[in-house]
């Protein structure tokens, strides 16, 4: 009798967990393959703005549009108003 109780307890735990994991995997696969489709959730309004899903392409495009200057660790390579030396510029281009 204890063996039957163990099997039934296992199935009562494993079956809902397997169903949950299958649904989670399907949603994750759908969001990965079709990121342009809106989420079936009403957007939440915060104090700052409306929460909206953003794709990786939009983030990359925004980063490419934004001009980035030298980071704090590279400020010493650029004098006030002078152009950086060619090695520092080459290093900056290779890192970014």
Foldseek 3Di string as FASTA:
>chain_A
DVVVVVVVVCCVPPVVVVVVVVVVVVVVVCCVVCVPDFDPDDWDQDPPGTDGDDDPVVVVVVVVVDDDDDDPVCPVQDDVVDDGDPVSVVVVVVVD
